[in-house]
């Protein structure tokens, strides 16, 4: 999948291209890759935590819209809590709608310069209505 701004790593397989808008880097959309991990409708890590130490990321203000970030996003922990706007394109399942995710963990296995390993909820939010499973398997 081609997407705008962000990307993520899927522990179970799927990788999509994203276009991302990283305010701290640029106001322009940047190419990125995305994958997902955890439960398909989950908040990411089993302990609702991660390298940033946040807990209860399934609740406000995170609302399960979380992501691991590779080093340019995680920034040795200084990127914890950073918000990124992402959108997915290049796959018929992509909605093209802009979603906001927050960095809550470190992604140690990047597949691109900017790699977002999204929670299942965040990854599914990039899909057209009713097509989140199809997007996860693309």
N, C-alpha and C. Protein backbone atom coordinates (compact mmCIF):
# COMPACT_ATOMS: atom_id res chain seq x y z
N UNK A 1 0.84 -1.18 0.00
CA UNK A 1 0.00 0.00 0.00
C UNK A 1 0.88 1.23 0.00
N UNK A 2 0.50 2.22 -0.72
CA UNK A 2 1.21 3.48 -0.67
C UNK A 2 0.40 4.40 0.24
N UNK A 3 1.06 5.11 1.09
CA UNK A 3 0.33 5.96 2.00
C UNK A 3 1.08 7.26 2.20
N UNK A 4 0.42 8.20 2.82
CA UNK A 4 1.00 9.50 3.04
C UNK A 4 1.46 9.62 4.48
N UNK A 5 2.65 10.04 4.72
CA UNK A 5 3.30 10.38 5.97
C UNK A 5 3.86 9.23 6.77
N UNK A 6 3.08 8.31 7.24
CA UNK A 6 3.56 7.35 8.20
C UNK A 6 3.47 5.93 7.71
N UNK A 7 4.22 5.09 8.36
CA UNK A 7 4.14 3.67 8.06
C UNK A 7 4.33 2.87 9.31
N UNK A 8 3.94 1.61 9.29
CA UNK A 8 4.08 0.79 10.47
C UNK A 8 4.50 -0.61 10.11
N UNK A 9 4.98 -1.37 11.06
CA UNK A 9 5.47 -2.72 10.85
C UNK A 9 4.48 -3.70 11.46
N UNK A 10 4.05 -4.66 10.69
CA UNK A 10 3.11 -5.65 11.16
C UNK A 10 3.86 -6.88 11.61
N UNK A 11 3.69 -7.23 12.85
CA UNK A 11 4.39 -8.40 13.35
C UNK A 11 3.91 -9.67 12.66
N UNK A 12 2.69 -9.66 12.17
CA UNK A 12 2.20 -10.85 11.51
C UNK A 12 2.33 -10.80 10.00
N UNK A 13 2.74 -9.65 9.42
CA UNK A 13 3.10 -9.66 8.02
C UNK A 13 2.88 -8.43 7.20
N UNK A 14 1.70 -7.87 7.16
CA UNK A 14 1.37 -6.85 6.16
C UNK A 14 2.18 -5.57 6.34
N UNK A 15 2.62 -5.04 5.25
CA UNK A 15 3.32 -3.76 5.25
C UNK A 15 2.67 -2.89 4.20
N UNK A 16 2.43 -1.64 4.54
CA UNK A 16 1.82 -0.73 3.59
C UNK A 16 2.69 0.50 3.45
N UNK A 17 2.59 1.14 2.32
CA UNK A 17 3.26 2.42 2.13
C UNK A 17 2.31 3.50 2.59
N UNK A 18 2.84 4.49 3.24
CA UNK A 18 2.03 5.60 3.73
C UNK A 18 2.69 6.89 3.33
N UNK A 19 1.89 7.92 3.27
CA UNK A 19 2.42 9.27 3.17
C UNK A 19 2.17 9.89 4.53
N UNK A 20 3.15 10.58 5.06
CA UNK A 20 2.99 11.11 6.40
C UNK A 20 3.32 12.60 6.43
N UNK A 21 2.80 13.27 7.41
CA UNK A 21 3.07 14.67 7.62
C UNK A 21 3.68 14.81 9.00
N UNK A 22 4.96 15.02 9.04
CA UNK A 22 5.66 15.13 10.32
C UNK A 22 5.98 16.59 10.55
N UNK A 23 5.21 17.23 11.42
CA UNK A 23 5.37 18.65 11.66
C UNK A 23 6.79 18.99 12.08
N UNK A 24 7.41 18.14 12.91
CA UNK A 24 8.76 18.45 13.35
C UNK A 24 9.78 18.30 12.23
N UNK A 25 9.43 17.60 11.17
CA UNK A 25 10.34 17.41 10.06
C UNK A 25 10.01 18.35 8.90
N UNK A 26 8.74 18.49 8.63
CA UNK A 26 8.31 19.24 7.46
C UNK A 26 6.80 19.37 7.51
N UNK A 27 6.29 20.37 6.83
CA UNK A 27 4.83 20.48 6.73
C UNK A 27 4.33 19.70 5.52
N UNK A 28 5.24 19.17 4.72
CA UNK A 28 4.87 18.39 3.55
C UNK A 28 4.66 16.93 3.94
N UNK A 29 3.90 16.23 3.13
CA UNK A 29 3.72 14.80 3.33
C UNK A 29 4.99 14.08 2.92
N UNK A 30 5.40 13.11 3.70
CA UNK A 30 6.61 12.32 3.44
C UNK A 30 6.23 10.86 3.22
N UNK A 31 6.96 10.15 2.38
CA UNK A 31 6.66 8.72 2.20
C UNK A 31 7.12 7.92 3.42
N UNK A 32 6.35 6.91 3.75
CA UNK A 32 6.68 6.06 4.90
C UNK A 32 6.09 4.68 4.66
N UNK A 33 6.40 3.76 5.56
CA UNK A 33 5.84 2.41 5.51
C UNK A 33 5.13 2.15 6.82
N UNK A 34 4.10 1.32 6.74
CA UNK A 34 3.34 0.99 7.94
C UNK A 34 3.12 -0.51 8.03
N UNK A 35 3.15 -1.00 9.23
CA UNK A 35 2.78 -2.36 9.56
C UNK A 35 1.94 -2.28 10.83
N UNK A 36 1.46 -3.40 11.32
CA UNK A 36 0.68 -3.38 12.55
C UNK A 36 1.06 -4.57 13.42
N UNK A 37 0.73 -4.46 14.70
CA UNK A 37 1.04 -5.55 15.64
C UNK A 37 -0.02 -5.58 16.73
N UNK A 38 -0.02 -6.68 17.45
CA UNK A 38 -1.00 -6.83 18.53
C UNK A 38 -2.32 -7.35 17.99
N UNK A 39 -3.36 -7.17 18.76
CA UNK A 39 -4.70 -7.61 18.37
C UNK A 39 -5.23 -6.73 17.24
N UNK A 40 -6.00 -7.29 16.33
CA UNK A 40 -6.53 -6.50 15.20
C UNK A 40 -7.28 -5.25 15.62
N UNK A 41 -7.93 -5.28 16.77
CA UNK A 41 -8.65 -4.09 17.25
C UNK A 41 -8.07 -3.61 18.58
N UNK A 42 -6.79 -3.89 18.79
CA UNK A 42 -6.15 -3.55 20.05
C UNK A 42 -5.36 -2.26 20.02
N UNK A 43 -4.70 -2.00 21.14
CA UNK A 43 -3.93 -0.77 21.33
C UNK A 43 -2.43 -1.00 21.15
N UNK A 44 -2.04 -2.18 20.68
CA UNK A 44 -0.62 -2.46 20.48
C UNK A 44 -0.11 -3.48 21.47
N UNK A 45 0.81 -3.09 22.35
CA UNK A 45 1.43 -4.06 23.26
C UNK A 45 0.43 -4.64 24.26
N UNK A 46 0.68 -5.88 24.63
CA UNK A 46 -0.20 -6.56 25.58
C UNK A 46 -0.33 -5.83 26.91
N UNK A 47 0.74 -5.18 27.35
CA UNK A 47 0.70 -4.51 28.64
C UNK A 47 0.24 -3.06 28.53
N UNK A 48 -0.26 -2.68 27.35
CA UNK A 48 -0.69 -1.30 27.13
C UNK A 48 0.41 -0.30 27.48
N UNK A 49 1.62 -0.71 27.30
CA UNK A 49 2.74 0.18 27.59
C UNK A 49 3.66 0.25 26.40
N UNK A 50 4.91 0.18 26.66
CA UNK A 50 5.90 0.25 25.59
C UNK A 50 7.12 0.99 26.09
N UNK A 51 8.04 1.23 25.21
CA UNK A 51 9.31 1.86 25.57
C UNK A 51 9.13 3.26 26.17
N UNK A 52 8.03 3.91 25.87
CA UNK A 52 7.79 5.25 26.41
C UNK A 52 7.22 5.22 27.82
N UNK A 53 6.77 4.05 28.28
CA UNK A 53 6.26 3.93 29.64
C UNK A 53 4.82 4.33 29.81
N UNK A 54 4.12 4.66 28.73
CA UNK A 54 2.71 5.02 28.84
C UNK A 54 1.89 3.79 29.19
N UNK A 55 0.88 3.96 29.97
CA UNK A 55 -0.05 2.88 30.33
C UNK A 55 -1.45 3.26 29.88
N UNK A 56 -2.30 2.25 29.77
CA UNK A 56 -3.71 2.45 29.41
C UNK A 56 -3.85 3.19 28.08
N UNK A 57 -3.04 2.80 27.10
CA UNK A 57 -3.08 3.48 25.80
C UNK A 57 -4.35 3.16 25.02
N UNK A 58 -5.19 2.27 25.56
CA UNK A 58 -6.49 2.02 24.96
C UNK A 58 -7.51 3.09 25.38
N UNK A 59 -7.13 3.95 26.33
CA UNK A 59 -8.02 4.99 26.83
C UNK A 59 -7.56 6.37 26.34
N UNK A 60 -8.42 7.37 26.56
CA UNK A 60 -8.10 8.76 26.22
C UNK A 60 -6.82 9.17 26.95
N UNK A 61 -5.91 9.90 26.34
CA UNK A 61 -5.99 10.55 25.05
C UNK A 61 -5.49 9.70 23.88
N UNK A 62 -4.99 8.52 24.17
CA UNK A 62 -4.43 7.68 23.10
C UNK A 62 -5.53 7.01 22.28
N UNK A 63 -6.54 6.49 22.95
CA UNK A 63 -7.67 5.82 22.32
C UNK A 63 -7.24 4.75 21.32
N UNK A 64 -6.18 4.03 21.65
CA UNK A 64 -5.62 2.94 20.84
C UNK A 64 -5.01 3.40 19.51
N UNK A 65 -4.93 4.68 19.27
CA UNK A 65 -4.34 5.22 18.03
C UNK A 65 -2.85 5.45 18.26
N UNK A 66 -2.14 4.34 18.44
CA UNK A 66 -0.73 4.39 18.83
C UNK A 66 0.16 3.74 17.79
N UNK A 67 1.46 4.02 17.91
CA UNK A 67 2.43 3.46 16.98
C UNK A 67 3.80 3.37 17.62
N UNK A 68 4.51 2.31 17.24
CA UNK A 68 5.95 2.28 17.49
C UNK A 68 6.56 3.13 16.38
N UNK A 69 7.65 3.77 16.69
CA UNK A 69 8.36 4.54 15.67
C UNK A 69 9.80 4.09 15.56
N UNK A 70 10.32 4.06 14.35
CA UNK A 70 11.75 3.75 14.22
C UNK A 70 12.54 4.98 14.68
N UNK A 71 13.86 4.91 14.66
CA UNK A 71 14.70 5.93 15.28
C UNK A 71 14.40 7.37 14.85
N UNK A 72 14.17 7.66 13.57
CA UNK A 72 13.86 9.06 13.22
C UNK A 72 12.56 9.57 13.84
N UNK A 73 11.69 8.67 14.28
CA UNK A 73 10.43 9.06 14.91
C UNK A 73 10.52 8.94 16.44
N UNK A 74 11.15 7.89 16.92
CA UNK A 74 11.29 7.64 18.36
C UNK A 74 12.33 8.57 18.99
N UNK A 75 13.38 8.88 18.26
CA UNK A 75 14.40 9.85 18.67
C UNK A 75 14.99 9.57 20.05
N UNK A 76 15.41 8.32 20.28
CA UNK A 76 15.99 7.93 21.57
C UNK A 76 15.07 8.28 22.74
N UNK A 77 13.78 8.21 22.53
CA UNK A 77 12.79 8.49 23.57
C UNK A 77 12.25 9.90 23.55
N UNK A 78 12.93 10.82 22.88
CA UNK A 78 12.44 12.20 22.83
C UNK A 78 11.19 12.32 21.97
N UNK A 79 10.93 11.31 21.14
CA UNK A 79 9.73 11.31 20.30
C UNK A 79 8.50 10.73 20.99
N UNK A 80 8.66 10.26 22.22
CA UNK A 80 7.52 9.71 22.94
C UNK A 80 6.42 10.75 23.07
N UNK A 81 5.22 10.37 22.69
CA UNK A 81 4.08 11.28 22.76
C UNK A 81 3.91 12.14 21.52
N UNK A 82 4.86 12.08 20.59
CA UNK A 82 4.72 12.86 19.35
C UNK A 82 3.54 12.36 18.54
N UNK A 83 2.82 13.29 17.95
CA UNK A 83 1.67 12.94 17.12
C UNK A 83 2.03 13.10 15.65
N UNK A 84 1.53 12.17 14.84
CA UNK A 84 1.74 12.20 13.40
C UNK A 84 0.42 12.00 12.70
N UNK A 85 0.22 12.75 11.65
CA UNK A 85 -0.92 12.53 10.79
C UNK A 85 -0.48 11.58 9.69
N UNK A 86 -1.30 10.57 9.45
CA UNK A 86 -0.97 9.58 8.43
C UNK A 86 -2.20 9.34 7.56
N UNK A 87 -1.95 8.88 6.35
CA UNK A 87 -3.04 8.44 5.49
C UNK A 87 -2.48 7.36 4.57
N UNK A 88 -3.33 6.46 4.22
CA UNK A 88 -2.96 5.31 3.41
C UNK A 88 -3.46 5.50 1.99
N UNK A 89 -2.63 5.12 1.03
CA UNK A 89 -3.04 5.17 -0.38
C UNK A 89 -2.37 4.02 -1.12
N UNK A 90 -2.77 3.76 -2.32
CA UNK A 90 -2.13 2.74 -3.13
C UNK A 90 -2.75 1.37 -3.02
N UNK A 91 -3.78 1.20 -2.22
CA UNK A 91 -4.49 -0.06 -2.11
C UNK A 91 -5.97 0.25 -2.16
N UNK A 92 -6.74 -0.59 -2.80
CA UNK A 92 -8.18 -0.32 -2.93
C UNK A 92 -8.89 -0.31 -1.57
N UNK A 93 -8.27 -0.86 -0.54
CA UNK A 93 -8.87 -0.87 0.80
C UNK A 93 -8.62 0.42 1.57
N UNK A 94 -7.67 1.23 1.13
CA UNK A 94 -7.33 2.48 1.82
C UNK A 94 -8.44 3.51 1.69
N UNK A 95 -8.75 4.17 2.78
CA UNK A 95 -9.77 5.22 2.75
C UNK A 95 -9.21 6.54 2.24
N UNK A 96 -7.91 6.76 2.45
CA UNK A 96 -7.31 8.04 2.10
C UNK A 96 -7.56 9.11 3.15
N UNK A 97 -8.33 8.76 4.19
CA UNK A 97 -8.62 9.72 5.27
C UNK A 97 -7.39 9.89 6.15
N UNK A 98 -7.22 11.08 6.68
CA UNK A 98 -6.11 11.39 7.57
C UNK A 98 -6.47 10.93 8.98
N UNK A 99 -5.55 10.20 9.61
CA UNK A 99 -5.70 9.77 11.00
C UNK A 99 -4.49 10.29 11.78
N UNK A 100 -4.64 10.46 13.07
CA UNK A 100 -3.55 10.91 13.94
C UNK A 100 -3.15 9.77 14.86
N UNK A 101 -1.85 9.50 14.93
CA UNK A 101 -1.32 8.47 15.83
C UNK A 101 -0.27 9.10 16.73
N UNK A 102 -0.07 8.46 17.89
CA UNK A 102 0.91 8.94 18.85
C UNK A 102 1.99 7.89 19.04
N UNK A 103 3.25 8.32 19.09
CA UNK A 103 4.37 7.40 19.31
C UNK A 103 4.39 7.00 20.78
N UNK A 104 4.33 5.68 21.01
CA UNK A 104 4.32 5.15 22.38
C UNK A 104 5.38 4.08 22.60
N UNK A 105 6.11 3.74 21.54
CA UNK A 105 7.05 2.62 21.65
C UNK A 105 8.11 2.75 20.56
N UNK A 106 9.17 1.95 20.68
CA UNK A 106 10.28 1.93 19.72
C UNK A 106 10.10 0.78 18.75
N UNK A 107 10.35 1.05 17.48
CA UNK A 107 10.32 0.02 16.43
C UNK A 107 11.77 -0.32 16.10
N UNK A 108 12.18 -1.52 16.44
CA UNK A 108 13.57 -1.94 16.26
C UNK A 108 13.86 -2.56 14.89
N UNK A 109 12.83 -2.79 14.09
CA UNK A 109 13.02 -3.47 12.80
C UNK A 109 12.41 -2.66 11.66
N UNK A 110 12.97 -1.50 11.37
CA UNK A 110 12.38 -0.64 10.33
C UNK A 110 12.47 -1.24 8.94
N UNK A 111 11.46 -0.94 8.14
CA UNK A 111 11.42 -1.37 6.74
C UNK A 111 11.50 -0.18 5.80
N UNK A 112 11.66 1.01 6.35
CA UNK A 112 11.75 2.23 5.55
C UNK A 112 12.38 3.32 6.40
N UNK A 113 12.70 4.43 5.76
CA UNK A 113 13.28 5.56 6.51
C UNK A 113 12.35 5.99 7.64
N UNK A 114 11.06 6.09 7.34
CA UNK A 114 10.05 6.39 8.36
C UNK A 114 9.13 5.18 8.40
N UNK A 115 9.13 4.49 9.53
CA UNK A 115 8.37 3.25 9.67
C UNK A 115 7.52 3.32 10.92
N UNK A 116 6.22 3.23 10.73
CA UNK A 116 5.27 3.21 11.83
C UNK A 116 4.76 1.79 12.01
N UNK A 117 4.94 1.24 13.19
CA UNK A 117 4.37 -0.06 13.52
C UNK A 117 3.13 0.23 14.34
N UNK A 118 2.01 0.28 13.67
CA UNK A 118 0.75 0.74 14.25
C UNK A 118 0.05 -0.31 15.09
N UNK A 119 -0.74 0.16 16.04
CA UNK A 119 -1.64 -0.74 16.75
C UNK A 119 -2.65 -1.26 15.72
N UNK A 120 -3.28 -2.38 16.03
CA UNK A 120 -4.29 -2.91 15.12
C UNK A 120 -5.42 -1.93 14.88
N UNK A 121 -5.80 -1.19 15.91
CA UNK A 121 -6.86 -0.19 15.78
C UNK A 121 -6.45 0.92 14.82
N UNK A 122 -5.24 1.44 14.98
CA UNK A 122 -4.77 2.53 14.12
C UNK A 122 -4.64 2.07 12.67
N UNK A 123 -4.12 0.87 12.47
CA UNK A 123 -3.97 0.35 11.11
C UNK A 123 -5.34 0.18 10.45
N UNK A 124 -6.28 -0.40 11.19
CA UNK A 124 -7.62 -0.59 10.66
C UNK A 124 -8.33 0.72 10.35
N UNK A 125 -8.01 1.78 11.09
CA UNK A 125 -8.63 3.08 10.86
C UNK A 125 -8.27 3.67 9.50
N UNK A 126 -7.21 3.17 8.88
CA UNK A 126 -6.78 3.66 7.57
C UNK A 126 -7.60 3.07 6.43
N UNK A 127 -8.44 2.09 6.73
CA UNK A 127 -9.21 1.39 5.71
C UNK A 127 -10.58 2.03 5.47
N UNK A 128 -11.13 1.75 4.30
CA UNK A 128 -12.52 2.11 4.02
C UNK A 128 -13.40 1.33 4.97
N UNK A 129 -14.58 1.84 5.21
CA UNK A 129 -15.53 1.19 6.12
C UNK A 129 -15.73 -0.27 5.72
N UNK A 130 -15.56 -1.16 6.70
CA UNK A 130 -15.77 -2.58 6.48
C UNK A 130 -14.63 -3.31 5.83
N UNK A 131 -13.54 -2.61 5.48
CA UNK A 131 -12.41 -3.24 4.78
C UNK A 131 -11.13 -3.31 5.61
N UNK A 132 -11.25 -3.12 6.93
CA UNK A 132 -10.02 -3.12 7.75
C UNK A 132 -9.31 -4.48 7.74
N UNK A 133 -10.06 -5.59 7.72
CA UNK A 133 -9.40 -6.91 7.64
C UNK A 133 -8.71 -7.08 6.31
N UNK A 134 -9.34 -6.63 5.24
CA UNK A 134 -8.73 -6.74 3.92
C UNK A 134 -7.43 -5.93 3.86
N UNK A 135 -7.45 -4.73 4.44
CA UNK A 135 -6.24 -3.90 4.46
C UNK A 135 -5.15 -4.58 5.26
N UNK A 136 -5.48 -5.15 6.41
CA UNK A 136 -4.47 -5.82 7.23
C UNK A 136 -3.82 -6.99 6.50
N UNK A 137 -4.52 -7.60 5.57
CA UNK A 137 -3.98 -8.75 4.85
C UNK A 137 -3.43 -8.40 3.48
N UNK A 138 -3.42 -7.13 3.13
CA UNK A 138 -2.91 -6.77 1.80
C UNK A 138 -1.40 -6.73 1.76
